[in-house]
PDB file of N, CA and C in Angstrom:
ATOM      1  N   MET A   1       0.907  -1.212   0.014  1.00  0.00           N
ATOM      2  CA  MET A   1       0.025   0.005  -0.015  1.00  0.00           C
ATOM      3  C   MET A   1       0.815   1.308   0.033  1.00  0.00           C
ATOM      4  N   THR A   2       0.600   2.112  -0.907  1.00  0.00           N
ATOM      5  CA  THR A   2       1.561   3.395  -0.984  1.00  0.00           C
ATOM      6  C   THR A   2       1.015   4.362   0.164  1.00  0.00           C
ATOM      7  N   ASP A   3       1.836   5.433   0.314  1.00  0.00           N
ATOM      8  CA  ASP A   3       1.471   6.373   1.391  1.00  0.00           C
ATOM      9  C   ASP A   3       0.185   7.129   1.039  1.00  0.00           C
ATOM     10  N   SER A   4       0.061   7.330  -0.306  1.00  0.00           N
ATOM     11  CA  SER A   4      -1.145   7.912  -0.788  1.00  0.00           C
ATOM     12  C   SER A   4      -2.395   7.039  -0.593  1.00  0.00           C
ATOM     13  N   ASP A   5      -2.305   5.745  -0.797  1.00  0.00           N
ATOM     14  CA  ASP A   5      -3.402   4.746  -0.505  1.00  0.00           C
ATOM     15  C   ASP A   5      -3.786   4.755   0.956  1.00  0.00           C
ATOM     16  N   PHE A   6      -2.706   4.743   1.852  1.00  0.00           N
ATOM     17  CA  PHE A   6      -2.976   4.704   3.286  1.00  0.00           C
ATOM     18  C   PHE A   6      -3.687   6.063   3.589  1.00  0.00           C
ATOM     19  N   ALA A   7      -3.189   7.227   3.094  1.00  0.00           N
ATOM     20  CA  ALA A   7      -3.876   8.380   3.441  1.00  0.00           C
ATOM     21  C   ALA A   7      -5.383   8.447   3.005  1.00  0.00           C
ATOM     22  N   ASN A   8      -5.640   7.989   1.734  1.00  0.00           N
ATOM     23  CA  ASN A   8      -7.011   7.754   1.261  1.00  0.00           C
ATOM     24  C   ASN A   8      -7.866   6.940   2.089  1.00  0.00           C
ATOM     25  N   LEU A   9      -7.292   5.856   2.485  1.00  0.00           N
ATOM     26  CA  LEU A   9      -8.060   4.848   3.383  1.00  0.00           C
ATOM     27  C   LEU A   9      -8.361   5.528   4.682  1.00  0.00           C
ATOM     28  N   CYS A  10      -7.428   6.220   5.320  1.00  0.00           N
ATOM     29  CA  CYS A  10      -7.807   6.922   6.560  1.00  0.00           C
ATOM     30  C   CYS A  10      -8.789   8.014   6.344  1.00  0.00           C
ATOM     31  N   GLU A  11      -8.745   8.740   5.440  1.00  0.00           N
ATOM     32  CA  GLU A  11      -9.831   9.710   5.030  1.00  0.00           C
ATOM     33  C   GLU A  11     -11.198   9.192   4.871  1.00  0.00           C
ATOM     34  N   ARG A  12     -11.143   8.018   4.251  1.00  0.00           N
ATOM     35  CA  ARG A  12     -12.332   7.353   3.940  1.00  0.00           C
ATOM     36  C   ARG A  12     -12.936   6.844   5.455  1.00  0.00           C
ATOM     37  N   ALA A  13     -12.034   6.340   6.316  1.00  0.00           N
ATOM     38  CA  ALA A  13     -12.447   5.908   7.694  1.00  0.00           C
ATOM     39  C   ALA A  13     -12.979   7.222   8.415  1.00  0.00           C
ATOM     40  N   LEU A  14     -12.399   8.340   8.270  1.00  0.00           N
ATOM     41  CA  LEU A  14     -12.762   9.571   8.846  1.00  0.00           C
ATOM     42  C   LEU A  14     -14.218   9.855   8.480  1.00  0.00           C
ATOM     43  N   GLN A  15     -14.514   9.760   7.176  1.00  0.00           N
ATOM     44  CA  GLN A  15     -15.874  10.182   6.492  1.00  0.00           C
ATOM     45  C   GLN A  15     -16.836   9.046   7.186  1.00  0.00           C
ATOM     46  N   GLU A  16     -16.426   7.939   7.303  1.00  0.00           N
ATOM     47  CA  GLU A  16     -17.339   6.925   7.828  1.00  0.00           C
ATOM     48  C   GLU A  16     -17.771   7.097   9.194  1.00  0.00           C
ATOM     49  N   LEU A  17     -16.779   7.471  10.060  1.00  0.00           N
ATOM     50  CA  LEU A  17     -17.070   7.696  11.469  1.00  0.00           C
ATOM     51  C   LEU A  17     -17.863   9.072  11.565  1.00  0.00           C
ATOM     52  N   ARG A  18     -17.636   9.959  10.769  1.00  0.00           N
ATOM     53  CA  ARG A  18     -18.568  11.242  10.874  1.00  0.00           C
ATOM     54  C   ARG A  18     -19.801  10.823  10.503  1.00  0.00           C
ATOM     55  N   ALA A  19     -19.985  10.064   9.383  1.00  0.00           N
ATOM     56  CA  ALA A  19     -21.360   9.694   8.917  1.00  0.00           C
ATOM     57  C   ALA A  19     -22.188   8.971   9.975  1.00  0.00           C
ATOM     58  N   ARG A  20     -21.553   8.182  10.750  1.00  0.00           N
ATOM     59  CA  ARG A  20     -22.113   7.284  11.769  1.00  0.00           C
ATOM     60  C   ARG A  20     -22.490   8.043  13.152  1.00  0.00           C
ATOM     61  N   ALA A  21     -21.744   9.203  13.281  1.00  0.00           N
ATOM     62  CA  ALA A  21     -21.821   9.867  14.569  1.00  0.00           C
ATOM     63  C   ALA A  21     -23.278  10.595  14.771  1.00  0.00           C
ATOM     64  N   PRO A  22     -23.769  10.617  15.882  1.00  0.00           N
ATOM     65  CA  PRO A  22     -25.101  11.337  16.264  1.00  0.00           C
ATOM     66  C   PRO A  22     -24.858  12.801  15.794  1.00  0.00           C
ATOM     67  N   LYS A  23     -25.945  13.321  15.030  1.00  0.00           N
ATOM     68  CA  LYS A  23     -26.009  14.696  14.644  1.00  0.00           C
ATOM     69  C   LYS A  23     -26.969  15.717  15.153  1.00  0.00           C
ATOM     70  N   ARG A  24     -27.242  15.576  16.342  1.00  0.00           N
ATOM     71  CA  ARG A  24     -28.287  16.513  16.912  1.00  0.00           C
ATOM     72  C   ARG A  24     -27.780  17.960  16.782  1.00  0.00           C
ATOM     73  N   THR A  25     -26.682  18.310  17.008  1.00  0.00           N
ATOM     74  CA  THR A  25     -26.147  19.722  16.783  1.00  0.00           C
ATOM     75  C   THR A  25     -25.103  19.615  15.712  1.00  0.00           C
ATOM     76  N   GLY A  26     -24.581  18.509  15.421  1.00  0.00           N
ATOM     77  CA  GLY A  26     -23.469  18.435  14.402  1.00  0.00           C
ATOM     78  C   GLY A  26     -22.088  18.680  15.021  1.00  0.00           C
ATOM     79  N   ASN A  27     -22.047  19.049  16.264  1.00  0.00           N
ATOM     80  CA  ASN A  27     -20.664  19.225  16.673  1.00  0.00           C
ATOM     81  C   ASN A  27     -19.855  18.024  16.846  1.00  0.00           C
ATOM     82  N   LEU A  28     -20.355  16.917  17.355  1.00  0.00           N
ATOM     83  CA  LEU A  28     -19.565  15.728  17.385  1.00  0.00           C
ATOM     84  C   LEU A  28     -19.104  15.192  16.144  1.00  0.00           C
ATOM     85  N   ALA A  29     -20.044  15.151  15.138  1.00  0.00           N
ATOM     86  CA  ALA A  29     -19.616  14.721  13.696  1.00  0.00           C
ATOM     87  C   ALA A  29     -18.571  15.587  13.105  1.00  0.00           C
ATOM     88  N   ASN A  30     -19.013  16.855  13.174  1.00  0.00           N
ATOM     89  CA  ASN A  30     -18.249  17.861  12.222  1.00  0.00           C
ATOM     90  C   ASN A  30     -16.895  18.425  12.875  1.00  0.00           C
ATOM     91  N   ASN A  31     -16.943  18.443  14.323  1.00  0.00           N
ATOM     92  CA  ASN A  31     -15.819  19.036  15.057  1.00  0.00           C
ATOM     93  C   ASN A  31     -15.005  18.032  15.920  1.00  0.00           C
ATOM     94  N   GLY A  32     -15.878  17.128  16.520  1.00  0.00           N
ATOM     95  CA  GLY A  32     -15.223  16.211  17.519  1.00  0.00           C
ATOM     96  C   GLY A  32     -14.408  15.050  16.774  1.00  0.00           C
ATOM     97  N   VAL A  33     -14.868  14.541  15.652  1.00  0.00           N
ATOM     98  CA  VAL A  33     -14.176  13.448  15.075  1.00  0.00           C
ATOM     99  C   VAL A  33     -12.912  13.950  14.471  1.00  0.00           C
ATOM    100  N   ARG A  34     -11.742  13.396  14.751  1.00  0.00           N
ATOM    101  CA  ARG A  34     -10.425  13.920  14.255  1.00  0.00           C
ATOM    102  C   ARG A  34      -9.711  12.707  13.792  1.00  0.00           C
ATOM    103  N   LEU A  35      -8.874  13.215  12.790  1.00  0.00           N
ATOM    104  CA  LEU A  35      -7.889  12.287  12.056  1.00  0.00           C
ATOM    105  C   LEU A  35      -6.512  13.024  12.183  1.00  0.00           C
ATOM    106  N   VAL A  36      -5.615  12.329  12.809  1.00  0.00           N
ATOM    107  CA  VAL A  36      -4.240  12.958  12.844  1.00  0.00           C
ATOM    108  C   VAL A  36      -3.218  11.878  12.344  1.00  0.00           C
ATOM    109  N   PHE A  37      -2.331  12.342  11.478  1.00  0.00           N
ATOM    110  CA  PHE A  37      -1.280  11.410  10.866  1.00  0.00           C
ATOM    111  C   PHE A  37      -0.094  11.529  11.749  1.00  0.00           C
ATOM    112  N   VAL A  38       0.137  10.476  12.287  1.00  0.00           N
ATOM    113  CA  VAL A  38       1.386  10.457  13.255  1.00  0.00           C
ATOM    114  C   VAL A  38       2.640  10.309  12.300  1.00  0.00           C
ATOM    115  N   SER A  39       2.476   9.609  11.226  1.00  0.00           N
ATOM    116  CA  SER A  39       3.567   9.284  10.189  1.00  0.00           C
ATOM    117  C   SER A  39       2.876   8.898   8.819  1.00  0.00           C
ATOM    118  N   LYS A  40       3.736   8.560   7.998  1.00  0.00           N
ATOM    119  CA  LYS A  40       3.074   8.145   6.712  1.00  0.00           C
ATOM    120  C   LYS A  40       2.480   6.882   6.700  1.00  0.00           C
ATOM    121  N   LYS A  41       2.635   6.095   7.800  1.00  0.00           N
ATOM    122  CA  LYS A  41       2.227   4.792   8.020  1.00  0.00           C
ATOM    123  C   LYS A  41       1.428   4.494   9.196  1.00  0.00           C
ATOM    124  N   GLU A  42       0.985   5.660   9.913  1.00  0.00           N
ATOM    125  CA  GLU A  42       0.255   5.626  11.334  1.00  0.00           C
ATOM    126  C   GLU A  42      -0.542   6.894  11.338  1.00  0.00           C
ATOM    127  N   ALA A  43      -1.871   6.492  11.755  1.00  0.00           N
ATOM    128  CA  ALA A  43      -2.807   7.542  11.955  1.00  0.00           C
ATOM    129  C   ALA A  43      -3.719   7.279  13.234  1.00  0.00           C
ATOM    130  N   LEU A  44      -4.196   8.356  13.771  1.00  0.00           N
ATOM    131  CA  LEU A  44      -5.126   8.178  14.879  1.00  0.00           C
ATOM    132  C   LEU A  44      -6.472   8.817  14.516  1.00  0.00           C
ATOM    133  N   LEU A  45      -7.534   7.934  14.550  1.00  0.00           N
ATOM    134  CA  LEU A  45      -8.886   8.272  14.262  1.00  0.00           C
ATOM    135  C   LEU A  45      -9.589   8.397  15.573  1.00  0.00           C
ATOM    136  N   TYR A  46     -10.189   9.421  16.150  1.00  0.00           N
ATOM    137  CA  TYR A  46     -10.718   9.426  17.381  1.00  0.00           C
ATOM    138  C   TYR A  46     -11.729  10.574  17.550  1.00  0.00           C
ATOM    139  N   VAL A  47     -12.398  10.583  18.738  1.00  0.00           N
ATOM    140  CA  VAL A  47     -13.257  11.714  19.045  1.00  0.00           C
ATOM    141  C   VAL A  47     -12.599  12.562  20.111  1.00  0.00           C
ATOM    142  N   ASP A  48     -12.411  13.805  19.862  1.00  0.00           N
ATOM    143  CA  ASP A  48     -11.767  14.749  20.806  1.00  0.00           C
ATOM    144  C   ASP A  48     -12.849  15.084  21.850  1.00  0.00           C
ATOM    145  N   GLU A  49     -12.595  14.668  23.094  1.00  0.00           N
ATOM    146  CA  GLU A  49     -13.601  14.861  24.026  1.00  0.00           C
ATOM    147  C   GLU A  49     -13.480  16.344  24.737  1.00  0.00           C
ATOM    148  N   GLU A  50     -12.470  16.978  24.262  1.00  0.00           N
ATOM    149  CA  GLU A  50     -12.320  18.355  24.720  1.00  0.00           C
ATOM    150  C   GLU A  50     -13.478  19.223  23.881  1.00  0.00           C
ATOM    151  N   VAL A  51     -13.611  18.742  22.725  1.00  0.00           N
ATOM    152  CA  VAL A  51     -14.507  19.415  21.699  1.00  0.00           C
ATOM    153  C   VAL A  51     -16.005  18.882  22.023  1.00  0.00           C
ATOM    154  N   ALA A  52     -16.106  17.605  22.260  1.00  0.00           N
ATOM    155  CA  ALA A  52     -17.450  16.848  22.503  1.00  0.00           C
ATOM    156  C   ALA A  52     -17.309  16.087  23.716  1.00  0.00           C
ATOM    157  N   PRO A  53     -17.327  16.731  24.985  1.00  0.00           N
ATOM    158  CA  PRO A  53     -17.147  16.006  26.209  1.00  0.00           C
ATOM    159  C   PRO A  53     -18.255  14.994  26.401  1.00  0.00           C
ATOM    160  N   TYR A  54     -19.392  15.144  25.883  1.00  0.00           N
ATOM    161  CA  TYR A  54     -20.717  14.301  26.053  1.00  0.00           C
ATOM    162  C   TYR A  54     -20.543  13.085  25.265  1.00  0.00           C
ATOM    163  N   MET A  55     -19.496  12.934  24.390  1.00  0.00           N
ATOM    164  CA  MET A  55     -19.542  11.712  23.450  1.00  0.00           C
ATOM    165  C   MET A  55     -19.777  10.420  24.266  1.00  0.00           C
ATOM    166  N   PRO A  56     -19.083  10.116  25.320  1.00  0.00           N
ATOM    167  CA  PRO A  56     -19.522   8.779  25.948  1.00  0.00           C
ATOM    168  C   PRO A  56     -20.939   8.525  26.289  1.00  0.00           C
ATOM    169  N   TYR A  57     -21.612   9.640  26.620  1.00  0.00           N
ATOM    170  CA  TYR A  57     -23.027   9.677  26.894  1.00  0.00           C
ATOM    171  C   TYR A  57     -23.831   9.204  25.674  1.00  0.00           C
ATOM    172  N   THR A  58     -23.379   9.585  24.564  1.00  0.00           N
ATOM    173  CA  THR A  58     -24.047   9.269  23.294  1.00  0.00           C
ATOM    174  C   THR A  58     -24.085   7.763  22.966  1.00  0.00           C
ATOM    175  N   ASN A  59     -23.016   7.113  23.468  1.00  0.00           N
ATOM    176  CA  ASN A  59     -22.724   5.663  23.196  1.00  0.00           C
ATOM    177  C   ASN A  59     -23.158   4.756  24.213  1.00  0.00           C
ATOM    178  N   GLU A  60     -23.321   5.171  25.436  1.00  0.00           N
ATOM    179  CA  GLU A  60     -23.730   4.267  26.535  1.00  0.00           C
ATOM    180  C   GLU A  60     -25.175   4.428  26.850  1.00  0.00           C
ATOM    181  N   PRO A  61     -25.551   3.250  27.619  1.00  0.00           N
ATOM    182  CA  PRO A  61     -27.100   3.207  28.028  1.00  0.00           C
ATOM    183  C   PRO A  61     -27.223   4.415  29.116  1.00  0.00           C
ATOM    184  N   TRP A  62     -28.443   4.849  28.967  1.00  0.00           N
ATOM    185  CA  TRP A  62     -28.803   5.927  29.964  1.00  0.00           C
ATOM    186  C   TRP A  62     -29.184   5.371  31.274  1.00  0.00           C
ATOM    187  N   LEU A  63     -28.628   5.843  32.394  1.00  0.00           N
ATOM    188  CA  LEU A  63     -29.026   5.268  33.640  1.00  0.00           C
ATOM    189  C   LEU A  63     -29.670   6.287  34.598  1.00  0.00           C
ATOM    190  N   SER A  64     -29.783   7.550  34.180  1.00  0.00           N
ATOM    191  CA  SER A  64     -30.355   8.536  34.952  1.00  0.00           C
ATOM    192  C   SER A  64     -31.855   8.517  35.005  1.00  0.00           C
ATOM    193  N   PRO A  65     -32.471   8.771  36.038  1.00  0.00           N
ATOM    194  CA  PRO A  65     -33.983   9.001  36.166  1.00  0.00           C
ATOM    195  C   PRO A  65     -34.450  10.118  35.279  1.00  0.00           C
ATOM    196  N   TYR A  66     -33.564  10.950  34.973  1.00  0.00           N
ATOM    197  CA  TYR A  66     -33.932  12.172  34.134  1.00  0.00           C
ATOM    198  C   TYR A  66     -34.607  11.676  32.843  1.00  0.00           C
ATOM    199  N   TRP A  67     -34.108  10.597  32.321  1.00  0.00           N
ATOM    200  CA  TRP A  67     -34.622  10.135  31.051  1.00  0.00           C
ATOM    201  C   TRP A  67     -35.893   9.277  31.103  1.00  0.00           C
ATOM    202  N   ASN A  68     -36.561   9.159  32.304  1.00  0.00           N
ATOM    203  CA  ASN A  68     -37.730   8.441  32.469  1.00  0.00           C
ATOM    204  C   ASN A  68     -37.763   6.792  31.800  1.00  0.00           C
ATOM    205  N   GLY A  69     -36.583   6.189  31.966  1.00  0.00           N
ATOM    206  CA  GLY A  69     -36.567   4.819  31.529  1.00  0.00           C
ATOM    207  C   GLY A  69     -36.474   4.765  29.808  1.00  0.00           C
ATOM    208  N   LYS A  70     -36.420   5.869  29.356  1.00  0.00           N
ATOM    209  CA  LYS A  70     -36.209   5.857  27.798  1.00  0.00           C
ATOM    210  C   LYS A  70     -34.757   5.214  27.502  1.00  0.00           C
ATOM    211  N   LYS A  71     -34.716   4.630  26.357  1.00  0.00           N
ATOM    212  CA  LYS A  71     -33.412   3.995  25.911  1.00  0.00           C
ATOM    213  C   LYS A  71     -32.747   5.031  24.988  1.00  0.00           C
ATOM    214  N   ASN A  72     -31.387   5.085  25.184  1.00  0.00           N
ATOM    215  CA  ASN A  72     -30.573   6.031  24.349  1.00  0.00           C
ATOM    216  C   ASN A  72     -30.720   5.543  22.831  1.00  0.00           C
ATOM    217  N   PRO A  73     -31.227   6.411  21.958  1.00  0.00           N
ATOM    218  CA  PRO A  73     -31.311   5.967  20.614  1.00  0.00           C
ATOM    219  C   PRO A  73     -30.059   5.738  19.840  1.00  0.00           C
ATOM    220  N   ASN A  74     -28.990   6.352  20.459  1.00  0.00           N
ATOM    221  CA  ASN A  74     -27.632   6.155  19.822  1.00  0.00           C
ATOM    222  C   ASN A  74     -26.748   5.138  20.378  1.00  0.00           C
ATOM    223  N   GLU A  75     -27.228   4.470  21.457  1.00  0.00           N
ATOM    224  CA  GLU A  75     -26.548   3.460  22.234  1.00  0.00           C
ATOM    225  C   GLU A  75     -25.720   2.513  21.357  1.00  0.00           C
ATOM    226  N   GLY A  76     -24.466   2.481  21.591  1.00  0.00           N
ATOM    227  CA  GLY A  76     -23.553   1.568  20.831  1.00  0.00           C
ATOM    228  C   GLY A  76     -23.013   2.077  19.429  1.00  0.00           C
ATOM    229  N   TRP A  77     -23.374   3.332  19.027  1.00  0.00           N
ATOM    230  CA  TRP A  77     -22.937   3.784  17.753  1.00  0.00           C
ATOM    231  C   TRP A  77     -21.561   3.679  17.529  1.00  0.00           C
ATOM    232  N   PHE A  78     -20.691   4.154  18.476  1.00  0.00           N
ATOM    233  CA  PHE A  78     -19.309   4.243  18.274  1.00  0.00           C
ATOM    234  C   PHE A  78     -18.682   2.766  18.209  1.00  0.00           C
ATOM    235  N   ASP A  79     -19.207   1.832  19.018  1.00  0.00           N
ATOM    236  CA  ASP A  79     -18.810   0.394  18.966  1.00  0.00           C
ATOM    237  C   ASP A  79     -19.094  -0.091  17.532  1.00  0.00           C
ATOM    238  N   ARG A  80     -20.346   0.008  17.086  1.00  0.00           N
ATOM    239  CA  ARG A  80     -20.627  -0.458  15.672  1.00  0.00           C
ATOM    240  C   ARG A  80     -19.922   0.283  14.641  1.00  0.00           C
ATOM    241  N   ALA A  81     -19.660   1.597  14.773  1.00  0.00           N
ATOM    242  CA  ALA A  81     -18.791   2.251  13.778  1.00  0.00           C
ATOM    243  C   ALA A  81     -17.364   1.791  13.808  1.00  0.00           C
ATOM    244  N   ALA A  82     -16.828   1.577  14.908  1.00  0.00           N
ATOM    245  CA  ALA A  82     -15.395   1.063  14.926  1.00  0.00           C
ATOM    246  C   ALA A  82     -15.310  -0.374  14.257  1.00  0.00           C
ATOM    247  N   GLU A  83     -16.346  -1.164  14.607  1.00  0.00           N
ATOM    248  CA  GLU A  83     -16.304  -2.382  13.909  1.00  0.00           C
ATOM    249  C   GLU A  83     -16.486  -2.385  12.393  1.00  0.00           C
ATOM    250  N   GLY A  84     -17.397  -1.576  11.901  1.00  0.00           N
ATOM    251  CA  GLY A  84     -17.562  -1.386  10.509  1.00  0.00           C
ATOM    252  C   GLY A  84     -16.331  -0.919   9.863  1.00  0.00           C
ATOM    253  N   ILE A  85     -15.753   0.166  10.476  1.00  0.00           N
ATOM    254  CA  ILE A  85     -14.469   0.801   9.946  1.00  0.00           C
ATOM    255  C   ILE A  85     -13.346  -0.339   9.939  1.00  0.00           C
ATOM    256  N   ALA A  86     -13.189  -1.024  10.884  1.00  0.00           N
ATOM    257  CA  ALA A  86     -12.251  -2.111  10.827  1.00  0.00           C
ATOM    258  C   ALA A  86     -12.529  -3.183   9.668  1.00  0.00           C
ATOM    259  N   GLU A  87     -13.708  -3.492   9.464  1.00  0.00           N
ATOM    260  CA  GLU A  87     -14.086  -4.474   8.511  1.00  0.00           C
ATOM    261  C   GLU A  87     -13.867  -3.804   7.075  1.00  0.00           C
ATOM    262  N   MET A  88     -14.069  -2.441   6.987  1.00  0.00           N
ATOM    263  CA  MET A  88     -13.792  -1.863   5.673  1.00  0.00           C
ATOM    264  C   MET A  88     -12.276  -1.737   5.348  1.00  0.00           C
ATOM    265  N   ILE A  89     -11.556  -1.468   6.396  1.00  0.00           N
ATOM    266  CA  ILE A  89     -10.168  -1.359   6.339  1.00  0.00           C
ATOM    267  C   ILE A  89      -9.498  -2.744   5.839  1.00  0.00           C
ATOM    268  N   SER A  90     -10.070  -3.754   6.660  1.00  0.00           N
ATOM    269  CA  SER A  90      -9.580  -5.077   6.239  1.00  0.00           C
ATOM    270  C   SER A  90      -9.873  -5.470   4.754  1.00  0.00           C
ATOM    271  N   SER A  91     -11.138  -5.153   4.366  1.00  0.00           N
ATOM    272  CA  SER A  91     -11.488  -5.537   3.040  1.00  0.00           C
ATOM    273  C   SER A  91     -10.689  -4.819   2.021  1.00  0.00           C
ATOM    274  N   LEU A  92     -10.548  -3.454   2.240  1.00  0.00           N
ATOM    275  CA  LEU A  92      -9.808  -2.745   1.166  1.00  0.00           C
ATOM    276  C   LEU A  92      -8.279  -2.973   1.173  1.00  0.00           C
ATOM    277  N   ALA A  93      -7.802  -3.310   2.305  1.00  0.00           N
ATOM    278  CA  ALA A  93      -6.383  -3.626   2.459  1.00  0.00           C
ATOM    279  C   ALA A  93      -6.054  -5.100   2.167  1.00  0.00           C
ATOM    280  N   LYS A  94      -7.201  -5.793   1.861  1.00  0.00           N
ATOM    281  CA  LYS A  94      -6.953  -7.212   1.607  1.00  0.00           C
ATOM    282  C   LYS A  94      -6.236  -7.961   2.753  1.00  0.00           C
ATOM    283  N   GLY A  95      -6.748  -7.705   3.869  1.00  0.00           N
ATOM    284  CA  GLY A  95      -6.190  -8.250   5.057  1.00  0.00           C
ATOM    285  C   GLY A  95      -7.230  -9.276   5.839  1.00  0.00           C
ATOM    286  N   ASP A  96      -6.681  -9.803   7.007  1.00  0.00           N
ATOM    287  CA  ASP A  96      -7.651 -10.628   7.630  1.00  0.00           C
ATOM    288  C   ASP A  96      -8.041  -9.990   8.986  1.00  0.00           C
ATOM    289  N   LEU A  97      -9.252  -9.946   9.224  1.00  0.00           N
ATOM    290  CA  LEU A  97      -9.663  -9.332  10.493  1.00  0.00           C
ATOM    291  C   LEU A  97      -9.990 -10.399  11.655  1.00  0.00           C
ATOM    292  N   LYS A  98      -9.454 -10.418  12.766  1.00  0.00           N
ATOM    293  CA  LYS A  98      -9.679 -11.257  13.791  1.00  0.00           C
ATOM    294  C   LYS A  98     -10.123 -10.473  14.983  1.00  0.00           C
ATOM    295  N   ARG A  99     -11.380 -10.826  15.522  1.00  0.00           N
ATOM    296  CA  ARG A  99     -11.891 -10.206  16.688  1.00  0.00           C
ATOM    297  C   ARG A  99     -11.434 -10.975  17.987  1.00  0.00           C
ATOM    298  N   VAL A 100     -10.880 -10.282  18.849  1.00  0.00           N
ATOM    299  CA  VAL A 100     -10.437 -10.931  20.228  1.00  0.00           C
ATOM    300  C   VAL A 100     -11.331 -10.283  21.333  1.00  0.00           C
ATOM    301  N   ASP A 101     -12.047 -10.999  22.008  1.00  0.00           N
ATOM    302  CA  ASP A 101     -12.914 -10.401  22.950  1.00  0.00           C
ATOM    303  C   ASP A 101     -11.983 -10.529  24.251  1.00  0.00           C
ATOM    304  N   THR A 102     -11.828  -9.325  24.959  1.00  0.00           N
ATOM    305  CA  THR A 102     -11.114  -9.267  26.216  1.00  0.00           C
ATOM    306  C   THR A 102     -11.922  -9.506  27.455  1.00  0.00           C
TER     307      THR A 102
END
C-alpha cells in the first residue's frame, strides 16, 4: 500500500465515522471526530472529548432517572462504527480481521 493509498483509506475511515456519529447539533460529527497522521504509515482516528465531552453519553446506556426509562437511541453507535471501519479497512487492504474479546 502506498502512502497515498494509506492516506486515502484513513480519510475514508474519517468520513465513515463522521457519517455514523449522532448529529443533533453536528458538533460531534463535524468538529469532534478527528484524524491525525502520526507518520506516513500511522494515523489516529478518534473523538476529541475536549470538543465533544458528552461523547461517551451518546454511546452508553442512559442510567439517569432524568430520562424516565427511555433508551438511548444512539446507544452503541461508536462500537458499531469502529467494527464497521475495521471491516472496511480489512477488506480494502485485503487483510484478515480477527476479533479478540477481552
